[in-house]
Amino acid sequence: MSGAVSPDLGRQPNHMPEAEVALRLAEFILSLPGSGAMASVAIDGASIKVGDAVIFDIGRFMAATGWEQIKEPQVGRNVWTGTYRRGDKTIRVHSRPGEGDVVALVDGRRIVAECKKGPLVRKPGNPEYPLLKMALGQALLFDVSADDIVVTAVPDTPVLRKLAETWRSRPLVRRAGIRIALVAHDGSVSGLNL
């Protein structure tokens, strides 16, 4: 893991954007023994920029975490798309919907993840509950095979950690086999257990 990124990437200090959750999860999966050489990361434009406000600068984030852009976006594509390499691993950032936010292979099994943004400090109204509930619901709708590993990934906070611990043991979550991963700013990921 390459550690925390400086706060000048356009993000709010008490919030982890969905793009960061997805990129950190992809980076973590690629670091696992038996991982494939490439991870695909789908980024929605609304998680990058709203109006003129930059929510998350992918290029600066990738450079700060040691990833070099090796392929620019195709003409007519979103500026945040492209291919990045670090060592023998590649992250391909695209904006195609419906494929999972992160798709990668570990030991020949496909991992398909639904990622959500979230507050890093407790907020009134408990927004963490609907965020994790929405991620689980979207993960249930993935078109996957029996061998695929389905994951929901959210920021690692005390509130989401407690929810994840409780919901992991719920009978239908267990039966569906959905893993709930917690992603921290420093790149560490817990709860994936492959």
N, C-alpha and C. Protein backbone atom coordinates (compact mmCIF):
# COMPACT_ATOMS: atom_id res chain seq x y z
N MET A 1 0.84 -1.18 0.00
CA MET A 1 0.00 0.00 0.00
C MET A 1 0.88 1.24 0.00
N SER A 2 0.42 2.24 -0.65
CA SER A 2 1.25 3.40 -0.82
C SER A 2 0.95 4.51 0.16
N GLY A 3 -0.01 4.34 1.04
CA GLY A 3 -0.23 5.32 2.09
C GLY A 3 -1.22 6.39 1.71
N ALA A 4 -1.42 7.29 2.64
CA ALA A 4 -2.39 8.35 2.47
C ALA A 4 -1.93 9.35 1.42
N VAL A 5 -2.88 9.98 0.80
CA VAL A 5 -2.61 10.96 -0.22
C VAL A 5 -2.83 12.34 0.36
N SER A 6 -2.07 13.29 -0.11
CA SER A 6 -2.20 14.66 0.39
C SER A 6 -3.61 15.17 0.14
N PRO A 7 -4.07 16.09 0.99
CA PRO A 7 -5.44 16.57 0.89
C PRO A 7 -5.69 17.49 -0.29
N ASP A 8 -4.70 17.79 -1.12
CA ASP A 8 -4.90 18.72 -2.22
C ASP A 8 -5.49 18.05 -3.46
N LEU A 9 -6.11 16.92 -3.33
CA LEU A 9 -6.68 16.22 -4.46
C LEU A 9 -8.11 16.64 -4.74
N GLY A 10 -8.57 17.70 -4.09
CA GLY A 10 -9.90 18.21 -4.36
C GLY A 10 -10.99 17.55 -3.55
N ARG A 11 -10.65 16.71 -2.61
CA ARG A 11 -11.69 16.03 -1.83
C ARG A 11 -11.88 16.72 -0.49
N GLN A 12 -13.03 16.48 0.10
CA GLN A 12 -13.32 17.01 1.43
C GLN A 12 -12.57 16.16 2.45
N PRO A 13 -11.99 16.78 3.48
CA PRO A 13 -11.18 16.01 4.43
C PRO A 13 -11.97 14.99 5.26
N ASN A 14 -13.26 15.20 5.44
CA ASN A 14 -14.06 14.28 6.26
C ASN A 14 -14.97 13.40 5.43
N HIS A 15 -14.59 13.18 4.17
CA HIS A 15 -15.42 12.41 3.25
C HIS A 15 -14.51 11.61 2.32
N MET A 16 -14.88 10.36 2.04
CA MET A 16 -14.13 9.56 1.08
C MET A 16 -15.00 9.38 -0.15
N PRO A 17 -14.57 9.93 -1.29
CA PRO A 17 -15.36 9.81 -2.52
C PRO A 17 -15.38 8.38 -3.05
N GLU A 18 -16.42 8.07 -3.80
CA GLU A 18 -16.58 6.73 -4.35
C GLU A 18 -15.40 6.34 -5.23
N ALA A 19 -14.88 7.29 -6.00
CA ALA A 19 -13.73 6.98 -6.87
C ALA A 19 -12.53 6.54 -6.05
N GLU A 20 -12.30 7.18 -4.90
CA GLU A 20 -11.17 6.77 -4.05
C GLU A 20 -11.40 5.38 -3.47
N VAL A 21 -12.63 5.10 -3.02
CA VAL A 21 -12.94 3.76 -2.49
C VAL A 21 -12.64 2.72 -3.57
N ALA A 22 -13.11 2.96 -4.80
CA ALA A 22 -12.93 1.99 -5.89
C ALA A 22 -11.45 1.82 -6.25
N LEU A 23 -10.72 2.93 -6.39
CA LEU A 23 -9.30 2.83 -6.77
C LEU A 23 -8.46 2.16 -5.68
N ARG A 24 -8.74 2.49 -4.42
CA ARG A 24 -8.00 1.85 -3.33
C ARG A 24 -8.32 0.36 -3.24
N LEU A 25 -9.59 -0.01 -3.48
CA LEU A 25 -9.95 -1.43 -3.48
C LEU A 25 -9.24 -2.15 -4.62
N ALA A 26 -9.24 -1.57 -5.81
CA ALA A 26 -8.55 -2.18 -6.95
C ALA A 26 -7.07 -2.35 -6.65
N GLU A 27 -6.46 -1.34 -6.08
CA GLU A 27 -5.04 -1.39 -5.72
C GLU A 27 -4.77 -2.51 -4.72
N PHE A 28 -5.65 -2.65 -3.74
CA PHE A 28 -5.51 -3.70 -2.74
C PHE A 28 -5.64 -5.08 -3.38
N ILE A 29 -6.66 -5.27 -4.21
CA ILE A 29 -6.87 -6.57 -4.85
C ILE A 29 -5.65 -6.94 -5.69
N LEU A 30 -5.10 -5.97 -6.42
CA LEU A 30 -3.92 -6.24 -7.24
C LEU A 30 -2.69 -6.59 -6.41
N SER A 31 -2.69 -6.23 -5.13
CA SER A 31 -1.55 -6.54 -4.27
C SER A 31 -1.64 -7.95 -3.66
N LEU A 32 -2.77 -8.60 -3.82
CA LEU A 32 -2.97 -9.92 -3.21
C LEU A 32 -2.20 -11.00 -3.97
N PRO A 33 -1.72 -12.03 -3.24
CA PRO A 33 -1.11 -13.17 -3.94
C PRO A 33 -2.15 -13.81 -4.85
N GLY A 34 -1.76 -14.16 -6.04
CA GLY A 34 -2.67 -14.79 -6.98
C GLY A 34 -3.53 -13.83 -7.77
N SER A 35 -3.30 -12.51 -7.59
CA SER A 35 -4.12 -11.56 -8.33
C SER A 35 -3.70 -11.54 -9.79
N GLY A 36 -4.64 -11.15 -10.63
CA GLY A 36 -4.33 -10.95 -12.04
C GLY A 36 -3.50 -9.70 -12.21
N ALA A 37 -3.19 -9.38 -13.45
CA ALA A 37 -2.34 -8.22 -13.74
C ALA A 37 -3.13 -6.94 -13.91
N MET A 38 -4.47 -7.04 -14.04
CA MET A 38 -5.26 -5.85 -14.35
C MET A 38 -6.54 -5.81 -13.55
N ALA A 39 -6.92 -4.60 -13.14
CA ALA A 39 -8.22 -4.35 -12.53
C ALA A 39 -8.93 -3.30 -13.36
N SER A 40 -10.21 -3.46 -13.52
CA SER A 40 -11.04 -2.51 -14.24
C SER A 40 -11.83 -1.71 -13.21
N VAL A 41 -11.82 -0.38 -13.32
CA VAL A 41 -12.51 0.48 -12.36
C VAL A 41 -13.45 1.40 -13.12
N ALA A 42 -14.74 1.32 -12.83
CA ALA A 42 -15.75 2.18 -13.45
C ALA A 42 -15.96 3.40 -12.57
N ILE A 43 -15.84 4.57 -13.17
CA ILE A 43 -16.02 5.82 -12.44
C ILE A 43 -17.15 6.61 -13.09
N ASP A 44 -18.08 7.04 -12.27
CA ASP A 44 -19.18 7.87 -12.72
C ASP A 44 -18.71 9.33 -12.66
N GLY A 45 -19.00 10.08 -13.70
CA GLY A 45 -18.56 11.48 -13.76
C GLY A 45 -18.99 12.30 -12.57
N ALA A 46 -20.15 12.00 -11.99
CA ALA A 46 -20.64 12.76 -10.83
C ALA A 46 -19.77 12.53 -9.60
N SER A 47 -18.99 11.47 -9.59
CA SER A 47 -18.12 11.24 -8.43
C SER A 47 -16.76 11.92 -8.62
N ILE A 48 -16.57 12.56 -9.78
CA ILE A 48 -15.33 13.27 -10.07
C ILE A 48 -15.51 14.78 -9.98
N LYS A 49 -16.60 15.27 -10.57
CA LYS A 49 -16.80 16.71 -10.66
C LYS A 49 -18.29 17.01 -10.65
N VAL A 50 -18.69 18.01 -9.89
CA VAL A 50 -20.06 18.49 -9.89
C VAL A 50 -19.99 19.97 -10.25
N GLY A 51 -20.55 20.32 -11.40
CA GLY A 51 -20.41 21.69 -11.89
C GLY A 51 -18.93 21.98 -12.13
N ASP A 52 -18.44 23.03 -11.50
CA ASP A 52 -17.03 23.37 -11.60
C ASP A 52 -16.21 22.83 -10.43
N ALA A 53 -16.88 22.25 -9.46
CA ALA A 53 -16.18 21.75 -8.26
C ALA A 53 -15.63 20.36 -8.48
N VAL A 54 -14.32 20.22 -8.29
CA VAL A 54 -13.68 18.91 -8.40
C VAL A 54 -13.87 18.17 -7.08
N ILE A 55 -14.46 17.00 -7.16
CA ILE A 55 -14.67 16.17 -5.99
C ILE A 55 -13.45 15.30 -5.74
N PHE A 56 -12.86 14.82 -6.84
CA PHE A 56 -11.71 13.91 -6.72
C PHE A 56 -10.91 13.97 -8.02
N ASP A 57 -9.63 14.23 -7.91
CA ASP A 57 -8.75 14.33 -9.08
C ASP A 57 -8.02 13.00 -9.26
N ILE A 58 -8.53 12.17 -10.19
CA ILE A 58 -7.98 10.83 -10.39
C ILE A 58 -6.52 10.87 -10.81
N GLY A 59 -6.18 11.72 -11.76
CA GLY A 59 -4.80 11.80 -12.24
C GLY A 59 -3.81 12.11 -11.14
N ARG A 60 -4.14 13.08 -10.31
CA ARG A 60 -3.25 13.44 -9.19
C ARG A 60 -3.20 12.33 -8.15
N PHE A 61 -4.34 11.70 -7.89
CA PHE A 61 -4.37 10.60 -6.93
C PHE A 61 -3.49 9.45 -7.41
N MET A 62 -3.66 9.06 -8.67
CA MET A 62 -2.89 7.94 -9.20
C MET A 62 -1.40 8.26 -9.18
N ALA A 63 -1.02 9.47 -9.57
CA ALA A 63 0.40 9.85 -9.55
C ALA A 63 0.93 9.83 -8.12
N ALA A 64 0.15 10.31 -7.17
CA ALA A 64 0.59 10.37 -5.77
C ALA A 64 0.73 8.98 -5.16
N THR A 65 0.02 8.00 -5.71
CA THR A 65 0.11 6.63 -5.19
C THR A 65 1.00 5.74 -6.05
N GLY A 66 1.76 6.36 -6.95
CA GLY A 66 2.77 5.62 -7.71
C GLY A 66 2.31 5.00 -9.00
N TRP A 67 1.14 5.36 -9.50
CA TRP A 67 0.63 4.82 -10.76
C TRP A 67 0.94 5.80 -11.89
N GLU A 68 1.47 5.29 -12.99
CA GLU A 68 1.82 6.12 -14.14
C GLU A 68 0.79 5.89 -15.24
N GLN A 69 0.26 6.98 -15.78
CA GLN A 69 -0.71 6.84 -16.86
C GLN A 69 0.02 6.41 -18.12
N ILE A 70 -0.40 5.28 -18.68
CA ILE A 70 0.27 4.76 -19.88
C ILE A 70 -0.61 4.87 -21.12
N LYS A 71 -1.90 5.12 -20.92
CA LYS A 71 -2.80 5.27 -22.06
C LYS A 71 -3.79 6.36 -21.73
N GLU A 72 -3.78 7.40 -22.54
CA GLU A 72 -4.71 8.52 -22.38
C GLU A 72 -6.11 8.07 -22.79
N PRO A 73 -7.13 8.81 -22.34
CA PRO A 73 -8.48 8.49 -22.78
C PRO A 73 -8.61 8.64 -24.30
N GLN A 74 -9.48 7.85 -24.88
CA GLN A 74 -9.73 7.96 -26.31
C GLN A 74 -10.44 9.27 -26.59
N VAL A 75 -10.32 9.77 -27.79
CA VAL A 75 -10.98 11.01 -28.18
C VAL A 75 -12.48 10.87 -27.93
N GLY A 76 -13.05 11.87 -27.32
CA GLY A 76 -14.47 11.85 -27.02
C GLY A 76 -14.82 11.16 -25.71
N ARG A 77 -13.82 10.60 -25.04
CA ARG A 77 -14.06 9.93 -23.77
C ARG A 77 -13.87 10.92 -22.62
N ASN A 78 -14.34 10.54 -21.46
CA ASN A 78 -14.17 11.39 -20.28
C ASN A 78 -12.69 11.52 -19.93
N VAL A 79 -12.30 12.70 -19.50
CA VAL A 79 -10.90 12.99 -19.23
C VAL A 79 -10.31 12.10 -18.12
N TRP A 80 -11.14 11.61 -17.23
CA TRP A 80 -10.62 10.82 -16.11
C TRP A 80 -10.40 9.35 -16.48
N THR A 81 -10.81 8.95 -17.68
CA THR A 81 -10.56 7.57 -18.09
C THR A 81 -9.12 7.42 -18.56
N GLY A 82 -8.65 6.20 -18.58
CA GLY A 82 -7.29 5.92 -19.03
C GLY A 82 -6.76 4.67 -18.37
N THR A 83 -5.53 4.35 -18.68
CA THR A 83 -4.89 3.15 -18.13
C THR A 83 -3.64 3.57 -17.37
N TYR A 84 -3.48 2.99 -16.19
CA TYR A 84 -2.37 3.33 -15.30
C TYR A 84 -1.59 2.06 -14.95
N ARG A 85 -0.28 2.19 -14.82
CA ARG A 85 0.56 1.04 -14.50
C ARG A 85 1.47 1.37 -13.32
N ARG A 86 1.64 0.36 -12.47
CA ARG A 86 2.64 0.40 -11.39
C ARG A 86 3.26 -0.99 -11.35
N GLY A 87 4.54 -1.05 -11.67
CA GLY A 87 5.20 -2.36 -11.75
C GLY A 87 4.56 -3.19 -12.84
N ASP A 88 4.17 -4.42 -12.50
CA ASP A 88 3.54 -5.29 -13.50
C ASP A 88 2.01 -5.30 -13.39
N LYS A 89 1.44 -4.33 -12.68
CA LYS A 89 -0.01 -4.26 -12.49
C LYS A 89 -0.59 -3.07 -13.24
N THR A 90 -1.84 -3.20 -13.67
CA THR A 90 -2.51 -2.17 -14.45
C THR A 90 -3.90 -1.93 -13.88
N ILE A 91 -4.28 -0.66 -13.81
CA ILE A 91 -5.66 -0.28 -13.49
C ILE A 91 -6.22 0.46 -14.70
N ARG A 92 -7.30 -0.06 -15.24
CA ARG A 92 -7.97 0.58 -16.37
C ARG A 92 -9.21 1.30 -15.84
N VAL A 93 -9.21 2.63 -15.94
CA VAL A 93 -10.32 3.46 -15.47
C VAL A 93 -11.22 3.78 -16.66
N HIS A 94 -12.50 3.49 -16.53
CA HIS A 94 -13.46 3.74 -17.60
C HIS A 94 -14.75 4.29 -17.01
N SER A 95 -15.69 4.62 -17.86
CA SER A 95 -16.96 5.18 -17.39
C SER A 95 -18.16 4.38 -17.88
N ARG A 96 -17.95 3.09 -18.21
CA ARG A 96 -19.06 2.25 -18.66
C ARG A 96 -19.88 1.78 -17.45
N PRO A 97 -21.17 2.01 -17.45
CA PRO A 97 -22.00 1.55 -16.33
C PRO A 97 -22.33 0.07 -16.44
N GLY A 98 -22.78 -0.50 -15.32
CA GLY A 98 -23.33 -1.84 -15.32
C GLY A 98 -22.34 -2.98 -15.25
N GLU A 99 -21.06 -2.71 -15.02
CA GLU A 99 -20.06 -3.77 -14.99
C GLU A 99 -19.51 -4.04 -13.60
N GLY A 100 -19.95 -3.28 -12.63
CA GLY A 100 -19.33 -3.32 -11.31
C GLY A 100 -18.32 -2.20 -11.23
N ASP A 101 -18.16 -1.62 -10.06
CA ASP A 101 -17.22 -0.51 -9.91
C ASP A 101 -15.78 -0.99 -9.98
N VAL A 102 -15.53 -2.19 -9.49
CA VAL A 102 -14.20 -2.79 -9.59
C VAL A 102 -14.39 -4.23 -10.05
N VAL A 103 -13.62 -4.62 -11.07
CA VAL A 103 -13.63 -6.00 -11.54
C VAL A 103 -12.17 -6.43 -11.68
N ALA A 104 -11.83 -7.55 -11.04
CA ALA A 104 -10.45 -8.06 -11.06
C ALA A 104 -10.48 -9.56 -10.83
N LEU A 105 -9.35 -10.21 -11.06
CA LEU A 105 -9.22 -11.65 -10.84
C LEU A 105 -8.25 -11.93 -9.71
N VAL A 106 -8.59 -12.91 -8.87
CA VAL A 106 -7.68 -13.45 -7.86
C VAL A 106 -7.82 -14.96 -7.91
N ASP A 107 -6.71 -15.64 -8.10
CA ASP A 107 -6.69 -17.10 -8.23
C ASP A 107 -7.71 -17.60 -9.24
N GLY A 108 -7.84 -16.86 -10.35
CA GLY A 108 -8.74 -17.26 -11.43
C GLY A 108 -10.21 -16.96 -11.19
N ARG A 109 -10.55 -16.41 -10.03
CA ARG A 109 -11.94 -16.07 -9.74
C ARG A 109 -12.15 -14.57 -9.94
N ARG A 110 -13.26 -14.23 -10.55
CA ARG A 110 -13.57 -12.82 -10.80
C ARG A 110 -14.16 -12.19 -9.54
N ILE A 111 -13.63 -11.03 -9.19
CA ILE A 111 -14.18 -10.23 -8.09
C ILE A 111 -14.94 -9.08 -8.73
N VAL A 112 -16.20 -8.89 -8.32
CA VAL A 112 -17.03 -7.80 -8.82
C VAL A 112 -17.49 -7.02 -7.60
N ALA A 113 -17.15 -5.71 -7.58
CA ALA A 113 -17.45 -4.91 -6.39
C ALA A 113 -18.31 -3.70 -6.70
N GLU A 114 -19.21 -3.41 -5.79
CA GLU A 114 -20.00 -2.19 -5.79
C GLU A 114 -19.42 -1.30 -4.70
N CYS A 115 -19.01 -0.10 -5.05
CA CYS A 115 -18.36 0.81 -4.10
C CYS A 115 -19.26 2.01 -3.82
N LYS A 116 -19.17 2.51 -2.60
CA LYS A 116 -19.93 3.69 -2.20
C LYS A 116 -19.02 4.66 -1.47
N LYS A 117 -19.31 5.93 -1.64
CA LYS A 117 -18.64 7.00 -0.90
C LYS A 117 -19.18 7.03 0.51
N GLY A 118 -18.62 7.91 1.33
CA GLY A 118 -19.20 8.06 2.65
C GLY A 118 -18.44 9.02 3.53
N PRO A 119 -19.11 9.49 4.58
CA PRO A 119 -18.46 10.39 5.54
C PRO A 119 -17.46 9.62 6.39
N LEU A 120 -16.37 10.29 6.74
CA LEU A 120 -15.36 9.67 7.59
C LEU A 120 -15.57 10.01 9.06
N VAL A 121 -16.46 10.95 9.32
CA VAL A 121 -16.83 11.31 10.69
C VAL A 121 -18.34 11.15 10.82
N ARG A 122 -18.77 10.88 12.03
CA ARG A 122 -20.21 10.66 12.27
C ARG A 122 -21.00 11.92 11.92
N LYS A 123 -22.10 11.72 11.20
CA LYS A 123 -22.95 12.83 10.77
C LYS A 123 -24.36 12.61 11.30
N PRO A 124 -25.10 13.70 11.50
CA PRO A 124 -26.49 13.55 11.91
C PRO A 124 -27.30 12.83 10.84
N GLY A 125 -28.24 12.04 11.25
CA GLY A 125 -29.09 11.33 10.31
C GLY A 125 -28.57 9.96 9.90
N ASN A 126 -27.39 9.58 10.37
CA ASN A 126 -26.82 8.27 10.11
C ASN A 126 -26.86 7.89 8.61
N PRO A 127 -26.15 8.65 7.74
CA PRO A 127 -26.18 8.33 6.30
C PRO A 127 -25.49 7.02 5.96
N GLU A 128 -24.72 6.48 6.88
CA GLU A 128 -24.00 5.23 6.61
C GLU A 128 -24.95 4.06 6.37
N TYR A 129 -26.03 4.02 7.11
CA TYR A 129 -26.99 2.93 6.99
C TYR A 129 -27.54 2.82 5.56
N PRO A 130 -28.11 3.90 5.00
CA PRO A 130 -28.62 3.78 3.62
C PRO A 130 -27.51 3.55 2.59
N LEU A 131 -26.30 4.07 2.82
CA LEU A 131 -25.20 3.83 1.88
C LEU A 131 -24.88 2.35 1.77
N LEU A 132 -24.72 1.69 2.91
CA LEU A 132 -24.38 0.27 2.90
C LEU A 132 -25.56 -0.56 2.39
N LYS A 133 -26.76 -0.17 2.77
CA LYS A 133 -27.96 -0.88 2.30
C LYS A 133 -28.07 -0.78 0.78
N MET A 134 -27.81 0.40 0.22
CA MET A 134 -27.86 0.58 -1.23
C MET A 134 -26.78 -0.24 -1.92
N ALA A 135 -25.58 -0.27 -1.36
CA ALA A 135 -24.49 -1.05 -1.95
C ALA A 135 -24.84 -2.54 -1.98
N LEU A 136 -25.40 -3.05 -0.90
CA LEU A 136 -25.81 -4.45 -0.86
C LEU A 136 -26.89 -4.75 -1.88
N GLY A 137 -27.87 -3.84 -1.99
CA GLY A 137 -28.95 -4.04 -2.95
C GLY A 137 -28.44 -4.04 -4.38
N GLN A 138 -27.52 -3.14 -4.71
CA GLN A 138 -26.96 -3.09 -6.06
C GLN A 138 -26.11 -4.33 -6.34
N ALA A 139 -25.38 -4.80 -5.34
CA ALA A 139 -24.55 -5.99 -5.52
C ALA A 139 -25.41 -7.22 -5.80
N LEU A 140 -26.60 -7.28 -5.22
CA LEU A 140 -27.50 -8.41 -5.47
C LEU A 140 -27.93 -8.50 -6.93
N LEU A 141 -27.87 -7.39 -7.64
CA LEU A 141 -28.35 -7.34 -9.02
C LEU A 141 -27.26 -7.59 -10.06
N PHE A 142 -26.01 -7.79 -9.63
CA PHE A 142 -24.93 -8.06 -10.58
C PHE A 142 -25.22 -9.35 -11.34
N ASP A 143 -24.86 -9.34 -12.61
CA ASP A 143 -24.96 -10.54 -13.44
C ASP A 143 -23.64 -11.30 -13.27
N VAL A 144 -23.61 -12.24 -12.34
CA VAL A 144 -22.37 -12.94 -12.00
C VAL A 144 -22.56 -14.45 -12.13
N SER A 145 -21.44 -15.15 -12.17
CA SER A 145 -21.49 -16.61 -12.19
C SER A 145 -21.33 -17.12 -10.76
N ALA A 146 -21.54 -18.40 -10.57
CA ALA A 146 -21.46 -19.00 -9.24
C ALA A 146 -20.06 -18.91 -8.65
N ASP A 147 -19.03 -18.82 -9.49
CA ASP A 147 -17.65 -18.75 -9.00
C ASP A 147 -17.20 -17.33 -8.68
N ASP A 148 -17.95 -16.33 -9.11
CA ASP A 148 -17.56 -14.94 -8.86
C ASP A 148 -17.69 -14.59 -7.38
N ILE A 149 -16.86 -13.65 -6.96
CA ILE A 149 -16.91 -13.13 -5.59
C ILE A 149 -17.50 -11.74 -5.66
N VAL A 150 -18.64 -11.54 -5.00
CA VAL A 150 -19.33 -10.27 -5.02
C VAL A 150 -19.00 -9.51 -3.74
N VAL A 151 -18.64 -8.23 -3.91
CA VAL A 151 -18.17 -7.41 -2.79
C VAL A 151 -18.90 -6.07 -2.79
N THR A 152 -19.23 -5.59 -1.61
CA THR A 152 -19.60 -4.19 -1.46
C THR A 152 -18.46 -3.54 -0.69
N ALA A 153 -18.08 -2.35 -1.10
CA ALA A 153 -16.96 -1.66 -0.45
C ALA A 153 -17.40 -0.25 -0.05
N VAL A 154 -17.11 0.09 1.19
CA VAL A 154 -17.45 1.40 1.74
C VAL A 154 -16.25 1.90 2.56
N PRO A 155 -16.24 3.20 2.87
CA PRO A 155 -15.13 3.72 3.68
C PRO A 155 -15.08 3.04 5.05
N ASP A 156 -13.88 2.90 5.58
CA ASP A 156 -13.69 2.30 6.90
C ASP A 156 -13.85 3.37 7.97
N THR A 157 -15.00 3.35 8.62
CA THR A 157 -15.30 4.27 9.73
C THR A 157 -15.87 3.44 10.87
N PRO A 158 -15.86 3.95 12.09
CA PRO A 158 -16.44 3.19 13.21
C PRO A 158 -17.90 2.79 12.98
N VAL A 159 -18.71 3.70 12.43
CA VAL A 159 -20.12 3.39 12.22
C VAL A 159 -20.28 2.31 11.15
N LEU A 160 -19.59 2.47 10.02
CA LEU A 160 -19.71 1.46 8.96
C LEU A 160 -19.09 0.13 9.38
N ARG A 161 -18.04 0.17 10.19
CA ARG A 161 -17.43 -1.06 10.69
C ARG A 161 -18.43 -1.84 11.53
N LYS A 162 -19.14 -1.14 12.40
CA LYS A 162 -20.13 -1.80 13.26
C LYS A 162 -21.28 -2.38 12.43
N LEU A 163 -21.77 -1.60 11.46
CA LEU A 163 -22.82 -2.10 10.57
C LEU A 163 -22.34 -3.33 9.80
N ALA A 164 -21.13 -3.26 9.26
CA ALA A 164 -20.59 -4.38 8.48
C ALA A 164 -20.49 -5.63 9.33
N GLU A 165 -19.99 -5.49 10.55
CA GLU A 165 -19.86 -6.65 11.44
C GLU A 165 -21.22 -7.29 11.71
N THR A 166 -22.23 -6.47 11.91
CA THR A 166 -23.58 -6.98 12.17
C THR A 166 -24.19 -7.60 10.92
N TRP A 167 -24.11 -6.89 9.80
CA TRP A 167 -24.78 -7.35 8.58
C TRP A 167 -24.08 -8.53 7.93
N ARG A 168 -22.80 -8.71 8.14
CA ARG A 168 -22.11 -9.88 7.57
C ARG A 168 -22.71 -11.18 8.06
N SER A 169 -23.26 -11.16 9.27
CA SER A 169 -23.80 -12.39 9.86
C SER A 169 -25.29 -12.58 9.57
N ARG A 170 -25.91 -11.63 8.90
CA ARG A 170 -27.33 -11.77 8.56
C ARG A 170 -27.51 -12.94 7.59
N PRO A 171 -28.53 -13.78 7.80
CA PRO A 171 -28.69 -15.00 6.99
C PRO A 171 -28.72 -14.77 5.48
N LEU A 172 -29.43 -13.75 5.01
CA LEU A 172 -29.53 -13.56 3.57
C LEU A 172 -28.23 -13.00 2.98
N VAL A 173 -27.53 -12.18 3.72
CA VAL A 173 -26.23 -11.68 3.25
C VAL A 173 -25.26 -12.86 3.15
N ARG A 174 -25.27 -13.73 4.15
CA ARG A 174 -24.40 -14.91 4.11
C ARG A 174 -24.79 -15.84 2.97
N ARG A 175 -26.08 -16.06 2.80
CA ARG A 175 -26.54 -16.95 1.73
C ARG A 175 -26.16 -16.39 0.36
N ALA A 176 -26.27 -15.08 0.18
CA ALA A 176 -25.90 -14.46 -1.10
C ALA A 176 -24.39 -14.47 -1.29
N GLY A 177 -23.64 -14.59 -0.20
CA GLY A 177 -22.18 -14.65 -0.30
C GLY A 177 -21.53 -13.31 -0.55
N ILE A 178 -22.23 -12.22 -0.29
CA ILE A 178 -21.67 -10.89 -0.54
C ILE A 178 -20.70 -10.54 0.58
N ARG A 179 -19.50 -10.14 0.20
CA ARG A 179 -18.49 -9.70 1.17
C ARG A 179 -18.65 -8.21 1.38
N ILE A 180 -18.50 -7.76 2.61
CA ILE A 180 -18.54 -6.33 2.91
C ILE A 180 -17.14 -5.90 3.27
N ALA A 181 -16.53 -5.10 2.39
CA ALA A 181 -15.15 -4.64 2.58
C ALA A 181 -15.16 -3.20 3.06
N LEU A 182 -14.24 -2.92 3.97
CA LEU A 182 -14.05 -1.57 4.49
C LEU A 182 -12.72 -1.05 3.98
N VAL A 183 -12.74 0.12 3.33
CA VAL A 183 -11.56 0.68 2.68
C VAL A 183 -11.14 1.94 3.42
N ALA A 184 -9.88 1.99 3.84
CA ALA A 184 -9.35 3.14 4.58
C ALA A 184 -8.55 4.06 3.66
N HIS A 185 -8.39 5.32 4.12
CA HIS A 185 -7.60 6.31 3.37
C HIS A 185 -6.17 5.85 3.13
N ASP A 186 -5.63 5.03 4.01
CA ASP A 186 -4.24 4.59 3.84
C ASP A 186 -4.11 3.41 2.88
N GLY A 187 -5.23 2.98 2.30
CA GLY A 187 -5.20 1.88 1.34
C GLY A 187 -5.45 0.52 1.93
N SER A 188 -5.55 0.42 3.26
CA SER A 188 -5.82 -0.88 3.86
C SER A 188 -7.29 -1.25 3.64
N VAL A 189 -7.54 -2.54 3.52
CA VAL A 189 -8.89 -3.05 3.28
C VAL A 189 -9.13 -4.20 4.25
N SER A 190 -10.27 -4.19 4.92
CA SER A 190 -10.61 -5.30 5.81
C SER A 190 -11.96 -5.87 5.38
N GLY A 191 -12.18 -7.14 5.72
CA GLY A 191 -13.44 -7.79 5.46
C GLY A 191 -13.57 -8.47 4.12
N LEU A 192 -12.51 -8.43 3.32
CA LEU A 192 -12.59 -9.07 2.00
C LEU A 192 -12.43 -10.59 2.11
N ASN A 193 -11.49 -11.05 2.90
CA ASN A 193 -11.31 -12.48 3.20
C ASN A 193 -11.53 -13.40 1.99
N LEU A 194 -10.56 -13.44 1.13
CA LEU A 194 -10.69 -14.27 -0.08
C LEU A 194 -10.19 -15.68 0.18
